[in-house]
Amino acid sequence: MIKTLSPEDARSLLERCRIGRLGCITGNEPYVVPISYLFEDDSVYGHTMPGLKVDALRANPRACVQVDEIRDGYHWRSAIGFGGYEEIKDPEERERLLTKLLERFPQLTPAESISANSGLFAPPIVFRIRLERMTGLAED
């Protein structure tokens, strides 16, 4: 039987997961991409390079992040958080968040290290989705 998760259970799932799907609107169409993220203070933090996702979020900062844990078709949990996109501009905060993201995902190679040496690439954009509402469903 499918049940609704409490906001606390939805938050807990967002805290546990490492990969989610970021949803936004580009023009008149939904756009969903997988992201690796850090969850802190009811916000999802990530980093990315300039592109369609950033263009869409700058034009319309409303976004959502969906995560799930699936054991099989009858045992799963899914949560979604809704909020607003913000780019982190403060250099110290950017560095702190990039460090935490790289500690959580050591396999990631930040483009910033490439750009510092070559000048060919823009530094990564560090962003936050400040969640205003979290909800979810589960079937056990």
C-alpha atoms as a PDB file:
ATOM      1  CA  MET A   1       0.000   0.000   0.000  1.00  0.00           C
ATOM      2  CA  ILE A   2       1.355   3.421  -0.960  1.00  0.00           C
ATOM      3  CA  LYS A   3       1.685   5.885   1.906  1.00  0.00           C
ATOM      4  CA  THR A   4       2.587   9.549   2.165  1.00  0.00           C
ATOM      5  CA  LEU A   5       5.891  10.366   3.832  1.00  0.00           C
ATOM      6  CA  SER A   6       5.950  12.970   6.563  1.00  0.00           C
ATOM      7  CA  PRO A   7       8.049  16.069   5.833  1.00  0.00           C
ATOM      8  CA  GLU A   8      10.622  14.691   8.300  1.00  0.00           C
ATOM      9  CA  ASP A   9      10.838  11.356   6.448  1.00  0.00           C
ATOM     10  CA  ALA A  10      11.129  13.169   3.108  1.00  0.00           C
ATOM     11  CA  ARG A  11      13.952  15.314   4.558  1.00  0.00           C
ATOM     12  CA  SER A  12      15.691  12.185   5.873  1.00  0.00           C
ATOM     13  CA  LEU A  13      15.588  10.589   2.417  1.00  0.00           C
ATOM     14  CA  LEU A  14      17.008  13.757   0.831  1.00  0.00           C
ATOM     15  CA  GLU A  15      19.807  13.674   3.433  1.00  0.00           C
ATOM     16  CA  ARG A  16      20.660  10.007   2.756  1.00  0.00           C
ATOM     17  CA  CYS A  17      20.689  10.032  -1.018  1.00  0.00           C
ATOM     18  CA  ARG A  18      23.694  11.166  -3.031  1.00  0.00           C
ATOM     19  CA  ILE A  19      22.208  11.371  -6.516  1.00  0.00           C
ATOM     20  CA  GLY A  20      18.960  13.113  -7.394  1.00  0.00           C
ATOM     21  CA  ARG A  21      17.137  14.540 -10.348  1.00  0.00           C
ATOM     22  CA  LEU A  22      16.896  18.303 -10.710  1.00  0.00           C
ATOM     23  CA  GLY A  23      13.765  19.540 -12.436  1.00  0.00           C
ATOM     24  CA  CYS A  24      13.310  22.987 -13.934  1.00  0.00           C
ATOM     25  CA  ILE A  25      11.528  24.693 -16.814  1.00  0.00           C
ATOM     26  CA  THR A  26      13.256  25.721 -20.031  1.00  0.00           C
ATOM     27  CA  GLY A  27      10.971  27.769 -22.219  1.00  0.00           C
ATOM     28  CA  ASN A  28       7.680  25.896 -22.003  1.00  0.00           C
ATOM     29  CA  GLU A  29       9.146  22.440 -21.400  1.00  0.00           C
ATOM     30  CA  PRO A  30      10.201  20.577 -18.283  1.00  0.00           C
ATOM     31  CA  TYR A  31      13.890  19.695 -18.091  1.00  0.00           C
ATOM     32  CA  VAL A  32      15.196  17.022 -15.699  1.00  0.00           C
ATOM     33  CA  VAL A  33      18.841  16.077 -15.178  1.00  0.00           C
ATOM     34  CA  PRO A  34      20.658  13.870 -12.676  1.00  0.00           C
ATOM     35  CA  ILE A  35      22.858  15.655 -10.143  1.00  0.00           C
ATOM     36  CA  SER A  36      25.223  14.653  -7.377  1.00  0.00           C
ATOM     37  CA  TYR A  37      24.519  16.864  -4.403  1.00  0.00           C
ATOM     38  CA  LEU A  38      25.111  17.828  -0.810  1.00  0.00           C
ATOM     39  CA  PHE A  39      22.140  18.341   1.537  1.00  0.00           C
ATOM     40  CA  GLU A  40      22.633  20.926   4.270  1.00  0.00           C
ATOM     41  CA  ASP A  41      20.225  23.197   6.172  1.00  0.00           C
ATOM     42  CA  ASP A  42      17.193  22.202   4.069  1.00  0.00           C
ATOM     43  CA  SER A  43      19.075  23.093   0.884  1.00  0.00           C
ATOM     44  CA  VAL A  44      20.500  21.034  -1.959  1.00  0.00           C
ATOM     45  CA  TYR A  45      23.952  22.187  -3.106  1.00  0.00           C
ATOM     46  CA  GLY A  46      25.664  21.238  -6.322  1.00  0.00           C
ATOM     47  CA  HIS A  47      28.069  22.460  -8.928  1.00  0.00           C
ATOM     48  CA  THR A  48      27.803  22.572 -12.674  1.00  0.00           C
ATOM     49  CA  MET A  49      29.175  24.241 -15.757  1.00  0.00           C
ATOM     50  CA  PRO A  50      27.364  26.852 -17.868  1.00  0.00           C
ATOM     51  CA  GLY A  51      24.740  25.327 -20.152  1.00  0.00           C
ATOM     52  CA  LEU A  52      21.041  24.692 -20.658  1.00  0.00           C
ATOM     53  CA  LYS A  53      20.343  23.879 -16.990  1.00  0.00           C
ATOM     54  CA  VAL A  54      21.926  27.114 -15.753  1.00  0.00           C
ATOM     55  CA  ASP A  55      20.240  29.167 -18.476  1.00  0.00           C
ATOM     56  CA  ALA A  56      16.851  27.679 -17.551  1.00  0.00           C
ATOM     57  CA  LEU A  57      17.328  28.231 -13.812  1.00  0.00           C
ATOM     58  CA  ARG A  58      18.490  31.811 -14.297  1.00  0.00           C
ATOM     59  CA  ALA A  59      15.386  32.521 -16.405  1.00  0.00           C
ATOM     60  CA  ASN A  60      13.027  30.776 -13.954  1.00  0.00           C
ATOM     61  CA  PRO A  61      14.585  29.949 -10.561  1.00  0.00           C
ATOM     62  CA  ARG A  62      11.765  27.636  -9.447  1.00  0.00           C
ATOM     63  CA  ALA A  63      13.107  24.087  -9.226  1.00  0.00           C
ATOM     64  CA  CYS A  64      12.623  20.709  -7.609  1.00  0.00           C
ATOM     65  CA  VAL A  65      14.914  17.860  -6.612  1.00  0.00           C
ATOM     66  CA  GLN A  66      13.635  14.270  -6.597  1.00  0.00           C
ATOM     67  CA  VAL A  67      15.376  11.291  -4.970  1.00  0.00           C
ATOM     68  CA  ASP A  68      14.463   7.666  -4.387  1.00  0.00           C
ATOM     69  CA  GLU A  69      15.497   4.386  -2.841  1.00  0.00           C
ATOM     70  CA  ILE A  70      14.123   1.399  -4.756  1.00  0.00           C
ATOM     71  CA  ARG A  71      14.488  -2.183  -3.571  1.00  0.00           C
ATOM     72  CA  ASP A  72      11.911  -3.541  -6.024  1.00  0.00           C
ATOM     73  CA  GLY A  73       8.532  -2.608  -7.487  1.00  0.00           C
ATOM     74  CA  TYR A  74       6.804  -3.071  -4.126  1.00  0.00           C
ATOM     75  CA  HIS A  75       9.417  -1.616  -1.757  1.00  0.00           C
ATOM     76  CA  TRP A  76      10.499   1.932  -2.483  1.00  0.00           C
ATOM     77  CA  ARG A  77      10.650   5.471  -1.124  1.00  0.00           C
ATOM     78  CA  SER A  78      10.612   8.698  -3.107  1.00  0.00           C
ATOM     79  CA  ALA A  79      10.924  12.308  -1.958  1.00  0.00           C
ATOM     80  CA  ILE A  80      10.783  15.623  -3.724  1.00  0.00           C
ATOM     81  CA  GLY A  81      11.799  19.055  -2.497  1.00  0.00           C
ATOM     82  CA  PHE A  82      10.550  22.270  -4.076  1.00  0.00           C
ATOM     83  CA  GLY A  83      12.341  25.598  -3.894  1.00  0.00           C
ATOM     84  CA  GLY A  84      14.343  28.313  -5.541  1.00  0.00           C
ATOM     85  CA  TYR A  85      17.702  28.327  -7.331  1.00  0.00           C
ATOM     86  CA  GLU A  86      20.496  30.628  -6.169  1.00  0.00           C
ATOM     87  CA  GLU A  87      24.104  30.851  -7.301  1.00  0.00           C
ATOM     88  CA  ILE A  88      26.706  31.051  -4.550  1.00  0.00           C
ATOM     89  CA  LYS A  89      28.856  34.110  -5.237  1.00  0.00           C
ATOM     90  CA  ASP A  90      30.782  34.499  -1.963  1.00  0.00           C
ATOM     91  CA  PRO A  91      34.299  33.081  -2.633  1.00  0.00           C
ATOM     92  CA  GLU A  92      34.709  31.566   0.850  1.00  0.00           C
ATOM     93  CA  GLU A  93      31.304  29.890   0.749  1.00  0.00           C
ATOM     94  CA  ARG A  94      31.968  28.603  -2.797  1.00  0.00           C
ATOM     95  CA  GLU A  95      35.271  27.100  -1.648  1.00  0.00           C
ATOM     96  CA  ARG A  96      33.684  25.533   1.454  1.00  0.00           C
ATOM     97  CA  LEU A  97      30.915  23.945  -0.600  1.00  0.00           C
ATOM     98  CA  LEU A  98      33.215  22.743  -3.396  1.00  0.00           C
ATOM     99  CA  THR A  99      35.458  21.143  -0.762  1.00  0.00           C
ATOM    100  CA  LYS A 100      32.483  19.371   0.848  1.00  0.00           C
ATOM    101  CA  LEU A 101      31.190  18.211  -2.540  1.00  0.00           C
ATOM    102  CA  LEU A 102      34.614  16.818  -3.492  1.00  0.00           C
ATOM    103  CA  GLU A 103      34.902  15.068  -0.116  1.00  0.00           C
ATOM    104  CA  ARG A 104      31.492  13.467  -0.704  1.00  0.00           C
ATOM    105  CA  PHE A 105      32.285  12.653  -4.358  1.00  0.00           C
ATOM    106  CA  PRO A 106      36.079  12.208  -4.622  1.00  0.00           C
ATOM    107  CA  GLN A 107      35.773  10.832  -8.157  1.00  0.00           C
ATOM    108  CA  LEU A 108      34.634  14.240  -9.441  1.00  0.00           C
ATOM    109  CA  THR A 109      37.277  16.438 -11.036  1.00  0.00           C
ATOM    110  CA  PRO A 110      36.380  20.080 -10.630  1.00  0.00           C
ATOM    111  CA  ALA A 111      36.679  22.025 -13.866  1.00  0.00           C
ATOM    112  CA  GLU A 112      37.986  24.894 -11.764  1.00  0.00           C
ATOM    113  CA  SER A 113      41.338  23.119 -11.348  1.00  0.00           C
ATOM    114  CA  ILE A 114      41.586  22.756 -15.127  1.00  0.00           C
ATOM    115  CA  SER A 115      40.619  26.363 -15.731  1.00  0.00           C
ATOM    116  CA  ALA A 116      43.159  27.688 -13.248  1.00  0.00           C
ATOM    117  CA  ASN A 117      45.942  26.058 -15.239  1.00  0.00           C
ATOM    118  CA  SER A 118      44.765  26.440 -18.803  1.00  0.00           C
ATOM    119  CA  GLY A 119      42.405  29.390 -18.881  1.00  0.00           C
ATOM    120  CA  LEU A 120      40.228  27.403 -21.312  1.00  0.00           C
ATOM    121  CA  PHE A 121      37.220  26.738 -19.125  1.00  0.00           C
ATOM    122  CA  ALA A 122      34.950  28.833 -16.946  1.00  0.00           C
ATOM    123  CA  PRO A 123      34.955  28.028 -13.224  1.00  0.00           C
ATOM    124  CA  PRO A 124      32.093  25.815 -12.045  1.00  0.00           C
ATOM    125  CA  ILE A 125      28.891  27.396 -10.870  1.00  0.00           C
ATOM    126  CA  VAL A 126      28.119  26.451  -7.273  1.00  0.00           C
ATOM    127  CA  PHE A 127      24.400  26.595  -6.603  1.00  0.00           C
ATOM    128  CA  ARG A 128      21.770  26.018  -3.961  1.00  0.00           C
ATOM    129  CA  ILE A 129      18.159  24.952  -4.227  1.00  0.00           C
ATOM    130  CA  ARG A 130      16.723  26.364  -1.004  1.00  0.00           C
ATOM    131  CA  LEU A 131      13.892  23.923  -0.281  1.00  0.00           C
ATOM    132  CA  GLU A 132      10.636  25.419   0.917  1.00  0.00           C
ATOM    133  CA  ARG A 133       8.575  22.239   0.890  1.00  0.00           C
ATOM    134  CA  MET A 134       9.378  18.515   0.991  1.00  0.00           C
ATOM    135  CA  THR A 135       7.028  15.637   0.371  1.00  0.00           C
ATOM    136  CA  GLY A 136       7.228  11.999  -0.586  1.00  0.00           C
ATOM    137  CA  LEU A 137       5.620   8.602  -1.047  1.00  0.00           C
ATOM    138  CA  ALA A 138       6.597   5.073  -0.085  1.00  0.00           C
ATOM    139  CA  GLU A 139       5.465   1.515  -0.555  1.00  0.00           C
ATOM    140  CA  ASP A 140       6.689  -1.112   1.904  1.00  0.00           C
END
